[in-house]
Amino acid sequence: SCTTPGVADSFYCMGWFRQTPGKEREAVASIDDVGSTA
């Protein structure tokens, strides 16, 4: 789960990334404001 504490806001695009020590951060998934995913 991921959230923004305090004042709620709307974002166009949100995503999940992951990073292992010694390696570059890589994208896992994204979702836009109307539910389209990648």
PDB file of all heavy atoms in Angstrom:
ATOM      1  N   SER A   1       0.838  -1.188   0.000  1.00  0.00           N
ATOM      2  CA  SER A   1       0.000   0.000   0.000  1.00  0.00           C
ATOM      3  C   SER A   1       0.875   1.241   0.000  1.00  0.00           C
ATOM      4  O   SER A   1       1.998   1.231   0.492  1.00  0.00           O
ATOM      5  CB  SER A   1      -0.918   0.026   1.224  1.00  0.00           C
ATOM      6  OG  SER A   1      -1.784  -1.093   1.244  1.00  0.00           O
ATOM      7  N   CYS A   2       0.330   2.313  -0.526  1.00  0.00           N
ATOM      8  CA  CYS A   2       1.031   3.584  -0.584  1.00  0.00           C
ATOM      9  C   CYS A   2       0.010   4.695  -0.424  1.00  0.00           C
ATOM     10  O   CYS A   2      -1.061   4.659  -1.034  1.00  0.00           O
ATOM     11  CB  CYS A   2       1.771   3.715  -1.917  1.00  0.00           C
ATOM     12  SG  CYS A   2       2.480   5.354  -2.233  1.00  0.00           S
ATOM     13  N   THR A   3       0.352   5.687   0.386  1.00  0.00           N
ATOM     14  CA  THR A   3      -0.566   6.792   0.582  1.00  0.00           C
ATOM     15  C   THR A   3       0.200   8.075   0.867  1.00  0.00           C
ATOM     16  O   THR A   3       1.400   8.048   1.135  1.00  0.00           O
ATOM     17  CB  THR A   3      -1.539   6.512   1.738  1.00  0.00           C
ATOM     18  OG1 THR A   3      -2.549   7.523   1.789  1.00  0.00           O
ATOM     19  CG2 THR A   3      -0.784   6.488   3.072  1.00  0.00           C
ATOM     20  N   THR A   4      -0.503   9.178   0.800  1.00  0.00           N
ATOM     21  CA  THR A   4       0.066  10.486   1.103  1.00  0.00           C
ATOM     22  C   THR A   4      -0.533  10.990   2.407  1.00  0.00           C
ATOM     23  O   THR A   4      -1.718  11.321   2.451  1.00  0.00           O
ATOM     24  CB  THR A   4      -0.228  11.497  -0.008  1.00  0.00           C
ATOM     25  OG1 THR A   4       0.260  11.006  -1.254  1.00  0.00           O
ATOM     26  CG2 THR A   4       0.435  12.829   0.299  1.00  0.00           C
ATOM     27  N   PRO A   5       0.244  11.038   3.480  1.00  0.00           N
ATOM     28  CA  PRO A   5      -0.280  11.529   4.752  1.00  0.00           C
ATOM     29  C   PRO A   5      -0.702  12.987   4.654  1.00  0.00           C
ATOM     30  O   PRO A   5      -0.154  13.751   3.859  1.00  0.00           O
ATOM     31  CB  PRO A   5       0.911  11.364   5.712  1.00  0.00           C
ATOM     32  CG  PRO A   5       1.775  10.332   5.062  1.00  0.00           C
ATOM     33  CD  PRO A   5       1.637  10.581   3.599  1.00  0.00           C
ATOM     34  N   GLY A   6      -1.674  13.359   5.466  1.00  0.00           N
ATOM     35  CA  GLY A   6      -2.120  14.735   5.501  1.00  0.00           C
ATOM     36  C   GLY A   6      -3.148  15.040   4.422  1.00  0.00           C
ATOM     37  O   GLY A   6      -4.100  14.297   4.231  1.00  0.00           O
ATOM     38  N   VAL A   7      -2.938  16.129   3.752  1.00  0.00           N
ATOM     39  CA  VAL A   7      -3.878  16.598   2.747  1.00  0.00           C
ATOM     40  C   VAL A   7      -3.968  15.619   1.580  1.00  0.00           C
ATOM     41  O   VAL A   7      -2.955  15.275   0.970  1.00  0.00           O
ATOM     42  CB  VAL A   7      -3.484  17.986   2.233  1.00  0.00           C
ATOM     43  CG1 VAL A   7      -4.474  18.460   1.172  1.00  0.00           C
ATOM     44  CG2 VAL A   7      -3.419  18.980   3.382  1.00  0.00           C
ATOM     45  N   ALA A   8      -5.176  15.204   1.277  1.00  0.00           N
ATOM     46  CA  ALA A   8      -5.389  14.295   0.160  1.00  0.00           C
ATOM     47  C   ALA A   8      -5.249  15.051  -1.158  1.00  0.00           C
ATOM     48  O   ALA A   8      -5.566  16.234  -1.249  1.00  0.00           O
ATOM     49  CB  ALA A   8      -6.764  13.651   0.261  1.00  0.00           C
ATOM     50  N   ASP A   9      -4.790  14.361  -2.158  1.00  0.00           N
ATOM     51  CA  ASP A   9      -4.593  14.969  -3.464  1.00  0.00           C
ATOM     52  C   ASP A   9      -4.812  13.926  -4.538  1.00  0.00           C
ATOM     53  O   ASP A   9      -4.812  12.719  -4.273  1.00  0.00           O
ATOM     54  CB  ASP A   9      -3.187  15.564  -3.567  1.00  0.00           C
ATOM     55  CG  ASP A   9      -3.059  16.567  -4.698  1.00  0.00           C
ATOM     56  OD1 ASP A   9      -4.079  16.904  -5.328  1.00  0.00           O
ATOM     57  OD2 ASP A   9      -1.925  17.014  -4.969  1.00  0.00           O
ATOM     58  N   SER A  10      -5.007  14.394  -5.747  1.00  0.00           N
ATOM     59  CA  SER A  10      -5.189  13.512  -6.884  1.00  0.00           C
ATOM     60  C   SER A  10      -3.961  13.596  -7.783  1.00  0.00           C
ATOM     61  O   SER A  10      -3.417  14.674  -7.996  1.00  0.00           O
ATOM     62  CB  SER A  10      -6.443  13.877  -7.670  1.00  0.00           C
ATOM     63  OG  SER A  10      -7.609  13.709  -6.888  1.00  0.00           O
ATOM     64  N   PHE A  11      -3.532  12.452  -8.288  1.00  0.00           N
ATOM     65  CA  PHE A  11      -2.383  12.383  -9.172  1.00  0.00           C
ATOM     66  C   PHE A  11      -2.780  11.747 -10.492  1.00  0.00           C
ATOM     67  O   PHE A  11      -3.626  10.859 -10.545  1.00  0.00           O
ATOM     68  CB  PHE A  11      -1.257  11.577  -8.536  1.00  0.00           C
ATOM     69  CG  PHE A  11      -0.824  12.085  -7.197  1.00  0.00           C
ATOM     70  CD1 PHE A  11      -1.263  11.483  -6.039  1.00  0.00           C
ATOM     71  CD2 PHE A  11       0.032  13.166  -7.106  1.00  0.00           C
ATOM     72  CE1 PHE A  11      -0.866  11.949  -4.797  1.00  0.00           C
ATOM     73  CE2 PHE A  11       0.439  13.649  -5.873  1.00  0.00           C
ATOM     74  CZ  PHE A  11      -0.014  13.033  -4.709  1.00  0.00           C
ATOM     75  N   TYR A  12      -2.172  12.211 -11.551  1.00  0.00           N
ATOM     76  CA  TYR A  12      -2.436  11.627 -12.861  1.00  0.00           C
ATOM     77  C   TYR A  12      -1.905  10.202 -12.953  1.00  0.00           C
ATOM     78  O   TYR A  12      -2.614   9.280 -13.340  1.00  0.00           O
ATOM     79  CB  TYR A  12      -1.798  12.475 -13.950  1.00  0.00           C
ATOM     80  CG  TYR A  12      -2.518  13.772 -14.235  1.00  0.00           C
ATOM     81  CD1 TYR A  12      -2.164  14.947 -13.587  1.00  0.00           C
ATOM     82  CD2 TYR A  12      -3.543  13.816 -15.168  1.00  0.00           C
ATOM     83  CE1 TYR A  12      -2.819  16.142 -13.851  1.00  0.00           C
ATOM     84  CE2 TYR A  12      -4.208  15.001 -15.442  1.00  0.00           C
ATOM     85  CZ  TYR A  12      -3.839  16.160 -14.779  1.00  0.00           C
ATOM     86  OH  TYR A  12      -4.501  17.347 -15.052  1.00  0.00           O
ATOM     87  N   CYS A  13      -0.663  10.042 -12.618  1.00  0.00           N
ATOM     88  CA  CYS A  13       0.013   8.762 -12.763  1.00  0.00           C
ATOM     89  C   CYS A  13       0.704   8.362 -11.458  1.00  0.00           C
ATOM     90  O   CYS A  13       1.360   9.185 -10.821  1.00  0.00           O
ATOM     91  CB  CYS A  13       1.043   8.844 -13.886  1.00  0.00           C
ATOM     92  SG  CYS A  13       2.016   7.350 -14.152  1.00  0.00           S
ATOM     93  N   MET A  14       0.553   7.114 -11.086  1.00  0.00           N
ATOM     94  CA  MET A  14       1.256   6.570  -9.934  1.00  0.00           C
ATOM     95  C   MET A  14       1.878   5.236 -10.333  1.00  0.00           C
ATOM     96  O   MET A  14       1.317   4.512 -11.158  1.00  0.00           O
ATOM     97  CB  MET A  14       0.325   6.385  -8.746  1.00  0.00           C
ATOM     98  CG  MET A  14      -0.340   7.673  -8.286  1.00  0.00           C
ATOM     99  SD  MET A  14      -1.205   7.514  -6.714  1.00  0.00           S
ATOM    100  CE  MET A  14       0.200   7.467  -5.582  1.00  0.00           C
ATOM    101  N   GLY A  15       3.013   4.942  -9.752  1.00  0.00           N
ATOM    102  CA  GLY A  15       3.701   3.728 -10.132  1.00  0.00           C
ATOM    103  C   GLY A  15       4.437   3.068  -8.989  1.00  0.00           C
ATOM    104  O   GLY A  15       4.655   3.666  -7.930  1.00  0.00           O
ATOM    105  N   TRP A  16       4.801   1.818  -9.212  1.00  0.00           N
ATOM    106  CA  TRP A  16       5.624   1.048  -8.288  1.00  0.00           C
ATOM    107  C   TRP A  16       6.954   0.740  -8.951  1.00  0.00           C
ATOM    108  O   TRP A  16       6.995   0.320 -10.112  1.00  0.00           O
ATOM    109  CB  TRP A  16       4.948  -0.259  -7.886  1.00  0.00           C
ATOM    110  CG  TRP A  16       3.811  -0.089  -6.931  1.00  0.00           C
ATOM    111  CD1 TRP A  16       2.490  -0.063  -7.222  1.00  0.00           C
ATOM    112  CD2 TRP A  16       3.912   0.060  -5.514  1.00  0.00           C
ATOM    113  NE1 TRP A  16       1.749   0.101  -6.075  1.00  0.00           N
ATOM    114  CE2 TRP A  16       2.592   0.175  -5.010  1.00  0.00           C
ATOM    115  CE3 TRP A  16       4.982   0.108  -4.615  1.00  0.00           C
ATOM    116  CZ2 TRP A  16       2.323   0.340  -3.651  1.00  0.00           C
ATOM    117  CZ3 TRP A  16       4.714   0.275  -3.262  1.00  0.00           C
ATOM    118  CH2 TRP A  16       3.390   0.388  -2.799  1.00  0.00           C
ATOM    119  N   PHE A  17       8.020   0.950  -8.210  1.00  0.00           N
ATOM    120  CA  PHE A  17       9.366   0.648  -8.653  1.00  0.00           C
ATOM    121  C   PHE A  17      10.023  -0.243  -7.609  1.00  0.00           C
ATOM    122  O   PHE A  17       9.571  -0.323  -6.470  1.00  0.00           O
ATOM    123  CB  PHE A  17      10.186   1.921  -8.838  1.00  0.00           C
ATOM    124  CG  PHE A  17       9.712   2.803  -9.960  1.00  0.00           C
ATOM    125  CD1 PHE A  17       8.590   3.594  -9.817  1.00  0.00           C
ATOM    126  CD2 PHE A  17      10.400   2.835 -11.172  1.00  0.00           C
ATOM    127  CE1 PHE A  17       8.149   4.411 -10.846  1.00  0.00           C
ATOM    128  CE2 PHE A  17       9.969   3.644 -12.210  1.00  0.00           C
ATOM    129  CZ  PHE A  17       8.844   4.431 -12.047  1.00  0.00           C
ATOM    130  N   ARG A  18      11.093  -0.896  -7.991  1.00  0.00           N
ATOM    131  CA  ARG A  18      11.850  -1.686  -7.034  1.00  0.00           C
ATOM    132  C   ARG A  18      13.333  -1.540  -7.317  1.00  0.00           C
ATOM    133  O   ARG A  18      13.748  -1.294  -8.446  1.00  0.00           O
ATOM    134  CB  ARG A  18      11.438  -3.156  -7.061  1.00  0.00           C
ATOM    135  CG  ARG A  18      11.762  -3.897  -8.354  1.00  0.00           C
ATOM    136  CD  ARG A  18      11.174  -5.294  -8.300  1.00  0.00           C
ATOM    137  NE  ARG A  18      11.539  -6.103  -9.455  1.00  0.00           N
ATOM    138  CZ  ARG A  18      11.064  -7.312  -9.699  1.00  0.00           C
ATOM    139  NH1 ARG A  18      10.193  -7.870  -8.853  1.00  0.00           N
ATOM    140  NH2 ARG A  18      11.457  -7.978 -10.774  1.00  0.00           N
ATOM    141  N   GLN A  19      14.120  -1.703  -6.257  1.00  0.00           N
ATOM    142  CA  GLN A  19      15.551  -1.546  -6.394  1.00  0.00           C
ATOM    143  C   GLN A  19      16.282  -2.479  -5.437  1.00  0.00           C
ATOM    144  O   GLN A  19      15.998  -2.509  -4.245  1.00  0.00           O
ATOM    145  CB  GLN A  19      15.978  -0.101  -6.134  1.00  0.00           C
ATOM    146  CG  GLN A  19      17.444   0.164  -6.404  1.00  0.00           C
ATOM    147  CD  GLN A  19      17.771   1.640  -6.386  1.00  0.00           C
ATOM    148  OE1 GLN A  19      17.072   2.440  -5.764  1.00  0.00           O
ATOM    149  NE2 GLN A  19      18.831   2.020  -7.077  1.00  0.00           N
ATOM    150  N   THR A  20      17.215  -3.232  -5.988  1.00  0.00           N
ATOM    151  CA  THR A  20      18.060  -4.132  -5.234  1.00  0.00           C
ATOM    152  C   THR A  20      19.426  -3.478  -5.075  1.00  0.00           C
ATOM    153  O   THR A  20      19.906  -2.826  -6.009  1.00  0.00           O
ATOM    154  CB  THR A  20      18.198  -5.481  -5.958  1.00  0.00           C
ATOM    155  OG1 THR A  20      16.902  -6.057  -6.123  1.00  0.00           O
ATOM    156  CG2 THR A  20      19.078  -6.437  -5.179  1.00  0.00           C
ATOM    157  N   PRO A  21      20.067  -3.619  -3.921  1.00  0.00           N
ATOM    158  CA  PRO A  21      21.380  -3.003  -3.735  1.00  0.00           C
ATOM    159  C   PRO A  21      22.343  -3.340  -4.861  1.00  0.00           C
ATOM    160  O   PRO A  21      22.475  -4.500  -5.259  1.00  0.00           O
ATOM    161  CB  PRO A  21      21.851  -3.599  -2.403  1.00  0.00           C
ATOM    162  CG  PRO A  21      20.587  -3.837  -1.653  1.00  0.00           C
ATOM    163  CD  PRO A  21      19.602  -4.296  -2.706  1.00  0.00           C
ATOM    164  N   GLY A  22      22.993  -2.316  -5.391  1.00  0.00           N
ATOM    165  CA  GLY A  22      23.943  -2.502  -6.465  1.00  0.00           C
ATOM    166  C   GLY A  22      23.343  -2.489  -7.852  1.00  0.00           C
ATOM    167  O   GLY A  22      24.081  -2.607  -8.836  1.00  0.00           O
ATOM    168  N   LYS A  23      22.029  -2.363  -7.940  1.00  0.00           N
ATOM    169  CA  LYS A  23      21.376  -2.347  -9.238  1.00  0.00           C
ATOM    170  C   LYS A  23      20.530  -1.088  -9.404  1.00  0.00           C
ATOM    171  O   LYS A  23      20.174  -0.432  -8.425  1.00  0.00           O
ATOM    172  CB  LYS A  23      20.501  -3.588  -9.415  1.00  0.00           C
ATOM    173  CG  LYS A  23      21.278  -4.893  -9.404  1.00  0.00           C
ATOM    174  CD  LYS A  23      20.366  -6.070  -9.671  1.00  0.00           C
ATOM    175  CE  LYS A  23      21.146  -7.367  -9.707  1.00  0.00           C
ATOM    176  NZ  LYS A  23      20.273  -8.522  -9.994  1.00  0.00           N
ATOM    177  N   GLU A  24      20.215  -0.775 -10.644  1.00  0.00           N
ATOM    178  CA  GLU A  24      19.398   0.392 -10.944  1.00  0.00           C
ATOM    179  C   GLU A  24      17.943   0.140 -10.581  1.00  0.00           C
ATOM    180  O   GLU A  24      17.461  -0.990 -10.586  1.00  0.00           O
ATOM    181  CB  GLU A  24      19.513   0.750 -12.422  1.00  0.00           C
ATOM    182  CG  GLU A  24      20.891   1.218 -12.849  1.00  0.00           C
ATOM    183  CD  GLU A  24      21.278   2.526 -12.207  1.00  0.00           C
ATOM    184  OE1 GLU A  24      20.409   3.410 -12.086  1.00  0.00           O
ATOM    185  OE2 GLU A  24      22.450   2.669 -11.810  1.00  0.00           O
ATOM    186  N   ARG A  25      17.256   1.212 -10.269  1.00  0.00           N
ATOM    187  CA  ARG A  25      15.841   1.119  -9.973  1.00  0.00           C
ATOM    188  C   ARG A  25      15.076   0.738 -11.240  1.00  0.00           C
ATOM    189  O   ARG A  25      15.341   1.268 -12.321  1.00  0.00           O
ATOM    190  CB  ARG A  25      15.334   2.455  -9.427  1.00  0.00           C
ATOM    191  CG  ARG A  25      13.884   2.465  -8.999  1.00  0.00           C
ATOM    192  CD  ARG A  25      13.561   3.739  -8.242  1.00  0.00           C
ATOM    193  NE  ARG A  25      14.360   3.844  -7.026  1.00  0.00           N
ATOM    194  CZ  ARG A  25      14.266   4.853  -6.160  1.00  0.00           C
ATOM    195  NH1 ARG A  25      13.411   5.838  -6.389  1.00  0.00           N
ATOM    196  NH2 ARG A  25      15.035   4.871  -5.081  1.00  0.00           N
ATOM    197  N   GLU A  26      14.131  -0.173 -11.118  1.00  0.00           N
ATOM    198  CA  GLU A  26      13.358  -0.616 -12.263  1.00  0.00           C
ATOM    199  C   GLU A  26      11.866  -0.452 -12.005  1.00  0.00           C
ATOM    200  O   GLU A  26      11.388  -0.620 -10.887  1.00  0.00           O
ATOM    201  CB  GLU A  26      13.676  -2.077 -12.608  1.00  0.00           C
ATOM    202  CG  GLU A  26      13.298  -3.070 -11.530  1.00  0.00           C
ATOM    203  CD  GLU A  26      13.485  -4.508 -11.973  1.00  0.00           C
ATOM    204  OE1 GLU A  26      13.173  -4.820 -13.146  1.00  0.00           O
ATOM    205  OE2 GLU A  26      13.947  -5.321 -11.147  1.00  0.00           O
ATOM    206  N   ALA A  27      11.146  -0.142 -13.064  1.00  0.00           N
ATOM    207  CA  ALA A  27       9.706   0.026 -12.974  1.00  0.00           C
ATOM    208  C   ALA A  27       9.018  -1.328 -12.871  1.00  0.00           C
ATOM    209  O   ALA A  27       9.444  -2.304 -13.490  1.00  0.00           O
ATOM    210  CB  ALA A  27       9.184   0.790 -14.185  1.00  0.00           C
ATOM    211  N   VAL A  28       7.951  -1.384 -12.105  1.00  0.00           N
ATOM    212  CA  VAL A  28       7.157  -2.593 -11.941  1.00  0.00           C
ATOM    213  C   VAL A  28       5.790  -2.436 -12.595  1.00  0.00           C
ATOM    214  O   VAL A  28       5.364  -3.280 -13.380  1.00  0.00           O
ATOM    215  CB  VAL A  28       6.986  -2.956 -10.458  1.00  0.00           C
ATOM    216  CG1 VAL A  28       6.089  -4.180 -10.306  1.00  0.00           C
ATOM    217  CG2 VAL A  28       8.337  -3.189  -9.814  1.00  0.00           C
ATOM    218  N   ALA A  29       5.096  -1.351 -12.276  1.00  0.00           N
ATOM    219  CA  ALA A  29       3.761  -1.131 -12.810  1.00  0.00           C
ATOM    220  C   ALA A  29       3.365   0.319 -12.628  1.00  0.00           C
ATOM    221  O   ALA A  29       3.923   1.025 -11.784  1.00  0.00           O
ATOM    222  CB  ALA A  29       2.737  -2.039 -12.121  1.00  0.00           C
ATOM    223  N   SER A  30       2.394   0.769 -13.401  1.00  0.00           N
ATOM    224  CA  SER A  30       1.856   2.114 -13.263  1.00  0.00           C
ATOM    225  C   SER A  30       0.358   2.094 -13.510  1.00  0.00           C
ATOM    226  O   SER A  30      -0.175   1.162 -14.116  1.00  0.00           O
ATOM    227  CB  SER A  30       2.536   3.092 -14.232  1.00  0.00           C
ATOM    228  OG  SER A  30       2.118   2.857 -15.569  1.00  0.00           O
ATOM    229  N   ILE A  31      -0.302   3.139 -13.032  1.00  0.00           N
ATOM    230  CA  ILE A  31      -1.740   3.287 -13.236  1.00  0.00           C
ATOM    231  C   ILE A  31      -2.060   4.773 -13.314  1.00  0.00           C
ATOM    232  O   ILE A  31      -1.537   5.570 -12.536  1.00  0.00           O
ATOM    233  CB  ILE A  31      -2.534   2.593 -12.108  1.00  0.00           C
ATOM    234  CG1 ILE A  31      -4.035   2.682 -12.377  1.00  0.00           C
ATOM    235  CG2 ILE A  31      -2.181   3.192 -10.749  1.00  0.00           C
ATOM    236  CD1 ILE A  31      -4.852   1.788 -11.444  1.00  0.00           C
ATOM    237  N   ASP A  32      -2.900   5.160 -14.262  1.00  0.00           N
ATOM    238  CA  ASP A  32      -3.250   6.557 -14.392  1.00  0.00           C
ATOM    239  C   ASP A  32      -4.533   6.866 -13.634  1.00  0.00           C
ATOM    240  O   ASP A  32      -5.090   6.018 -12.933  1.00  0.00           O
ATOM    241  CB  ASP A  32      -3.335   6.977 -15.864  1.00  0.00           C
ATOM    242  CG  ASP A  32      -4.490   6.325 -16.614  1.00  0.00           C
ATOM    243  OD1 ASP A  32      -5.378   5.728 -15.985  1.00  0.00           O
ATOM    244  OD2 ASP A  32      -4.506   6.423 -17.862  1.00  0.00           O
ATOM    245  N   ASP A  33      -5.009   8.102 -13.778  1.00  0.00           N
ATOM    246  CA  ASP A  33      -6.137   8.555 -12.974  1.00  0.00           C
ATOM    247  C   ASP A  33      -7.461   7.899 -13.337  1.00  0.00           C
ATOM    248  O   ASP A  33      -8.420   7.986 -12.559  1.00  0.00           O
ATOM    249  CB  ASP A  33      -6.266  10.083 -13.058  1.00  0.00           C
ATOM    250  CG  ASP A  33      -6.424  10.568 -14.489  1.00  0.00           C
ATOM    251  OD1 ASP A  33      -5.801  10.000 -15.397  1.00  0.00           O
ATOM    252  OD2 ASP A  33      -7.156  11.554 -14.686  1.00  0.00           O
ATOM    253  N   VAL A  34      -7.547   7.272 -14.495  1.00  0.00           N
ATOM    254  CA  VAL A  34      -8.786   6.609 -14.894  1.00  0.00           C
ATOM    255  C   VAL A  34      -8.649   5.092 -14.904  1.00  0.00           C
ATOM    256  O   VAL A  34      -9.537   4.399 -15.393  1.00  0.00           O
ATOM    257  CB  VAL A  34      -9.276   7.104 -16.263  1.00  0.00           C
ATOM    258  CG1 VAL A  34      -9.664   8.568 -16.183  1.00  0.00           C
ATOM    259  CG2 VAL A  34      -8.224   6.884 -17.334  1.00  0.00           C
ATOM    260  N   GLY A  35      -7.546   4.574 -14.381  1.00  0.00           N
ATOM    261  CA  GLY A  35      -7.407   3.148 -14.203  1.00  0.00           C
ATOM    262  C   GLY A  35      -6.638   2.386 -15.257  1.00  0.00           C
ATOM    263  O   GLY A  35      -6.534   1.157 -15.163  1.00  0.00           O
ATOM    264  N   SER A  36      -6.095   3.063 -16.249  1.00  0.00           N
ATOM    265  CA  SER A  36      -5.284   2.371 -17.250  1.00  0.00           C
ATOM    266  C   SER A  36      -3.958   1.948 -16.632  1.00  0.00           C
ATOM    267  O   SER A  36      -3.316   2.728 -15.936  1.00  0.00           O
ATOM    268  CB  SER A  36      -5.043   3.279 -18.453  1.00  0.00           C
ATOM    269  OG  SER A  36      -6.261   3.590 -19.107  1.00  0.00           O
ATOM    270  N   THR A  37      -3.536   0.722 -16.909  1.00  0.00           N
ATOM    271  CA  THR A  37      -2.355   0.161 -16.264  1.00  0.00           C
ATOM    272  C   THR A  37      -1.283  -0.250 -17.256  1.00  0.00           C
ATOM    273  O   THR A  37      -1.548  -0.463 -18.437  1.00  0.00           O
ATOM    274  CB  THR A  37      -2.728  -1.060 -15.418  1.00  0.00           C
ATOM    275  OG1 THR A  37      -3.321  -2.060 -16.262  1.00  0.00           O
ATOM    276  CG2 THR A  37      -3.720  -0.679 -14.329  1.00  0.00           C
ATOM    277  N   ALA A  38      -0.074  -0.368 -16.743  1.00  0.00           N
ATOM    278  CA  ALA A  38       1.052  -0.872 -17.505  1.00  0.00           C
ATOM    279  C   ALA A  38       1.918  -1.693 -16.569  1.00  0.00           C
ATOM    280  O   ALA A  38       2.039  -1.369 -15.385  1.00  0.00           O
ATOM    281  CB  ALA A  38       1.857   0.279 -18.112  1.00  0.00           C
TER     282      ALA A  38
END
